Amino acid sequence: MIVRAGIIAMRKGDEEVARLAPGDFFGEQGSLAGLAEQHGLYAVTRVTVYEIDQTAFAPLLRERPELAEDLAAHLAHREGFGVHSGVPTIHNERSRLDLLKGIRSIFRVHREHLNP
């Protein structure tokens, strides 16, 4: 989902960890990596979103496979929201690599598709 208009609060438990505004996106963990959403989302204002499903997104990812790496990095960073700063960097990198593997598997984008 891509936020078209409005503000959405992202919460982990009772703590608000971020706010999403127009141009931000959410729900990508399930679509892109086959994972459950890690945060609760609550509309702060009236919200309009665009939904992009796997079928619509797959051709773009196959055309630009480097997006998988960017998305995996974003997902790994977002997983850390609401976690105290003591999270080791190696954990984030391992998470990013696991997410990248999941994205590539779901969309069947493998190393041979990558540009040199």
C-alpha atoms as a PDB file:
ATOM      1  CA  MET A   1       0.000   0.000   0.000  1.00  0.00           C
ATOM      2  CA  ILE A   2       1.225   3.494  -0.830  1.00  0.00           C
ATOM      3  CA  VAL A   3      -0.120   6.420   1.159  1.00  0.00           C
ATOM      4  CA  ARG A   4      -1.766   8.891  -1.235  1.00  0.00           C
ATOM      5  CA  ALA A   5      -3.159  11.256   1.399  1.00  0.00           C
ATOM      6  CA  GLY A   6      -3.314  11.468   5.164  1.00  0.00           C
ATOM      7  CA  ILE A   7      -1.221  10.388   8.134  1.00  0.00           C
ATOM      8  CA  ILE A   8      -0.903   6.877   9.569  1.00  0.00           C
ATOM      9  CA  ALA A   9       0.651   6.088  12.958  1.00  0.00           C
ATOM     10  CA  MET A  10       2.822   2.988  13.136  1.00  0.00           C
ATOM     11  CA  ARG A  11       2.814   1.349  16.572  1.00  0.00           C
ATOM     12  CA  LYS A  12       4.674  -1.488  18.168  1.00  0.00           C
ATOM     13  CA  GLY A  13       2.644  -2.475  21.194  1.00  0.00           C
ATOM     14  CA  ASP A  14       1.487   0.747  22.851  1.00  0.00           C
ATOM     15  CA  GLU A  15       4.404   2.811  21.513  1.00  0.00           C
ATOM     16  CA  GLU A  16       4.123   4.939  18.378  1.00  0.00           C
ATOM     17  CA  VAL A  17       7.367   4.351  16.511  1.00  0.00           C
ATOM     18  CA  ALA A  18       6.771   6.245  13.264  1.00  0.00           C
ATOM     19  CA  ARG A  19       4.249   8.113  11.172  1.00  0.00           C
ATOM     20  CA  LEU A  20       3.580   7.476   7.524  1.00  0.00           C
ATOM     21  CA  ALA A  21       2.710  10.343   5.190  1.00  0.00           C
ATOM     22  CA  PRO A  22       1.964  10.644   1.461  1.00  0.00           C
ATOM     23  CA  GLY A  23       4.571   8.723  -0.531  1.00  0.00           C
ATOM     24  CA  ASP A  24       5.343   6.277   2.288  1.00  0.00           C
ATOM     25  CA  PHE A  25       4.317   2.650   2.000  1.00  0.00           C
ATOM     26  CA  PHE A  26       3.289  -0.235   4.236  1.00  0.00           C
ATOM     27  CA  GLY A  27       2.129  -3.839   4.006  1.00  0.00           C
ATOM     28  CA  GLU A  28       5.150  -4.735   1.943  1.00  0.00           C
ATOM     29  CA  GLN A  29       6.350  -7.419   4.340  1.00  0.00           C
ATOM     30  CA  GLY A  30       3.525  -9.750   3.386  1.00  0.00           C
ATOM     31  CA  SER A  31       3.557  -8.959  -0.327  1.00  0.00           C
ATOM     32  CA  LEU A  32       7.292  -8.867  -0.811  1.00  0.00           C
ATOM     33  CA  ALA A  33       8.742 -11.232   1.743  1.00  0.00           C
ATOM     34  CA  GLY A  34       5.856 -13.423   2.887  1.00  0.00           C
ATOM     35  CA  LEU A  35       6.028 -12.110   6.474  1.00  0.00           C
ATOM     36  CA  ALA A  36       3.361 -10.902   8.888  1.00  0.00           C
ATOM     37  CA  GLU A  37       3.189  -7.151   9.533  1.00  0.00           C
ATOM     38  CA  GLN A  38       5.276  -6.271  12.587  1.00  0.00           C
ATOM     39  CA  HIS A  39       3.471  -3.045  13.482  1.00  0.00           C
ATOM     40  CA  GLY A  40      -0.057  -1.894  14.120  1.00  0.00           C
ATOM     41  CA  LEU A  41      -1.235   0.866  11.802  1.00  0.00           C
ATOM     42  CA  TYR A  42      -3.793   3.506  12.794  1.00  0.00           C
ATOM     43  CA  ALA A  43      -5.193   6.381  10.747  1.00  0.00           C
ATOM     44  CA  VAL A  44      -4.435   9.707  12.423  1.00  0.00           C
ATOM     45  CA  THR A  45      -6.312  11.617   9.729  1.00  0.00           C
ATOM     46  CA  ARG A  46      -8.531  10.617   6.824  1.00  0.00           C
ATOM     47  CA  VAL A  47      -6.351   8.351   4.661  1.00  0.00           C
ATOM     48  CA  THR A  48      -6.312   7.372   0.989  1.00  0.00           C
ATOM     49  CA  VAL A  49      -4.014   4.547  -0.113  1.00  0.00           C
ATOM     50  CA  TYR A  50      -3.179   2.812  -3.373  1.00  0.00           C
ATOM     51  CA  GLU A  51      -2.839  -0.953  -3.347  1.00  0.00           C
ATOM     52  CA  ILE A  52      -0.220  -2.584  -5.540  1.00  0.00           C
ATOM     53  CA  ASP A  53      -0.434  -6.367  -5.525  1.00  0.00           C
ATOM     54  CA  GLN A  54       2.267  -8.898  -6.389  1.00  0.00           C
ATOM     55  CA  THR A  55       0.951  -9.386  -9.911  1.00  0.00           C
ATOM     56  CA  ALA A  56       1.317  -5.680 -10.684  1.00  0.00           C
ATOM     57  CA  PHE A  57       4.667  -5.347  -8.904  1.00  0.00           C
ATOM     58  CA  ALA A  58       6.390  -8.465 -10.291  1.00  0.00           C
ATOM     59  CA  PRO A  59       7.191  -7.081 -13.781  1.00  0.00           C
ATOM     60  CA  LEU A  60       8.840  -3.996 -12.265  1.00  0.00           C
ATOM     61  CA  LEU A  61      10.958  -6.103  -9.931  1.00  0.00           C
ATOM     62  CA  ARG A  62      12.011  -8.418 -12.759  1.00  0.00           C
ATOM     63  CA  GLU A  63      12.875  -5.412 -14.935  1.00  0.00           C
ATOM     64  CA  ARG A  64      14.845  -3.753 -12.133  1.00  0.00           C
ATOM     65  CA  PRO A  65      16.080  -6.590  -9.863  1.00  0.00           C
ATOM     66  CA  GLU A  66      18.270  -4.185  -7.885  1.00  0.00           C
ATOM     67  CA  LEU A  67      15.025  -2.957  -6.285  1.00  0.00           C
ATOM     68  CA  ALA A  68      14.974  -6.217  -4.316  1.00  0.00           C
ATOM     69  CA  GLU A  69      18.104  -5.110  -2.462  1.00  0.00           C
ATOM     70  CA  ASP A  70      16.676  -1.668  -1.723  1.00  0.00           C
ATOM     71  CA  LEU A  71      13.412  -3.164  -0.483  1.00  0.00           C
ATOM     72  CA  ALA A  72      15.202  -5.720   1.703  1.00  0.00           C
ATOM     73  CA  ALA A  73      17.271  -2.928   3.288  1.00  0.00           C
ATOM     74  CA  HIS A  74      14.106  -0.893   3.908  1.00  0.00           C
ATOM     75  CA  LEU A  75      12.307  -3.864   5.467  1.00  0.00           C
ATOM     76  CA  ALA A  76      15.287  -4.687   7.718  1.00  0.00           C
ATOM     77  CA  HIS A  77      15.414  -1.050   8.860  1.00  0.00           C
ATOM     78  CA  ARG A  78      11.669  -0.975   9.508  1.00  0.00           C
ATOM     79  CA  GLU A  79      11.891  -4.206  11.554  1.00  0.00           C
ATOM     80  CA  GLY A  80      14.136  -2.263  13.925  1.00  0.00           C
ATOM     81  CA  PHE A  81      11.519   0.452  14.634  1.00  0.00           C
ATOM     82  CA  GLY A  82      10.620   0.490  18.281  1.00  0.00           C
ATOM     83  CA  VAL A  83      13.656  -1.564  19.199  1.00  0.00           C
ATOM     84  CA  HIS A  84      16.166   0.104  21.464  1.00  0.00           C
ATOM     85  CA  SER A  85      19.415   1.180  19.830  1.00  0.00           C
ATOM     86  CA  GLY A  86      21.295  -1.809  21.270  1.00  0.00           C
ATOM     87  CA  VAL A  87      20.403  -3.930  18.229  1.00  0.00           C
ATOM     88  CA  PRO A  88      23.678  -5.228  16.797  1.00  0.00           C
ATOM     89  CA  THR A  89      24.513  -4.257  13.218  1.00  0.00           C
ATOM     90  CA  ILE A  90      25.138  -7.904  12.339  1.00  0.00           C
ATOM     91  CA  HIS A  91      21.494  -8.656  13.196  1.00  0.00           C
ATOM     92  CA  ASN A  92      20.311  -5.984  10.734  1.00  0.00           C
ATOM     93  CA  GLU A  93      22.560  -7.336   7.993  1.00  0.00           C
ATOM     94  CA  ARG A  94      21.413 -10.919   8.590  1.00  0.00           C
ATOM     95  CA  SER A  95      17.810  -9.731   8.537  1.00  0.00           C
ATOM     96  CA  ARG A  96      18.419  -7.832   5.282  1.00  0.00           C
ATOM     97  CA  LEU A  97      19.953 -10.893   3.633  1.00  0.00           C
ATOM     98  CA  ASP A  98      17.104 -13.153   4.797  1.00  0.00           C
ATOM     99  CA  LEU A  99      14.542 -10.656   3.477  1.00  0.00           C
ATOM    100  CA  LEU A 100      16.389 -10.336   0.160  1.00  0.00           C
ATOM    101  CA  LYS A 101      16.345 -14.123  -0.204  1.00  0.00           C
ATOM    102  CA  GLY A 102      12.583 -14.153   0.505  1.00  0.00           C
ATOM    103  CA  ILE A 103      11.860 -11.382  -2.021  1.00  0.00           C
ATOM    104  CA  ARG A 104      13.932 -13.071  -4.709  1.00  0.00           C
ATOM    105  CA  SER A 105      12.209 -16.381  -4.030  1.00  0.00           C
ATOM    106  CA  ILE A 106       8.656 -14.994  -4.120  1.00  0.00           C
ATOM    107  CA  PHE A 107       9.257 -13.029  -7.320  1.00  0.00           C
ATOM    108  CA  ARG A 108      11.638 -15.571  -8.845  1.00  0.00           C
ATOM    109  CA  VAL A 109      14.317 -12.919  -9.296  1.00  0.00           C
ATOM    110  CA  HIS A 110      17.658 -14.617  -8.963  1.00  0.00           C
ATOM    111  CA  ARG A 111      21.263 -13.619  -9.449  1.00  0.00           C
ATOM    112  CA  GLU A 112      21.241 -14.578 -13.148  1.00  0.00           C
ATOM    113  CA  HIS A 113      18.648 -11.801 -13.701  1.00  0.00           C
ATOM    114  CA  LEU A 114      20.893  -9.182 -12.157  1.00  0.00           C
ATOM    115  CA  ASN A 115      22.710  -6.769 -14.441  1.00  0.00           C
ATOM    116  CA  PRO A 116      26.548  -6.913 -14.240  1.00  0.00           C
END
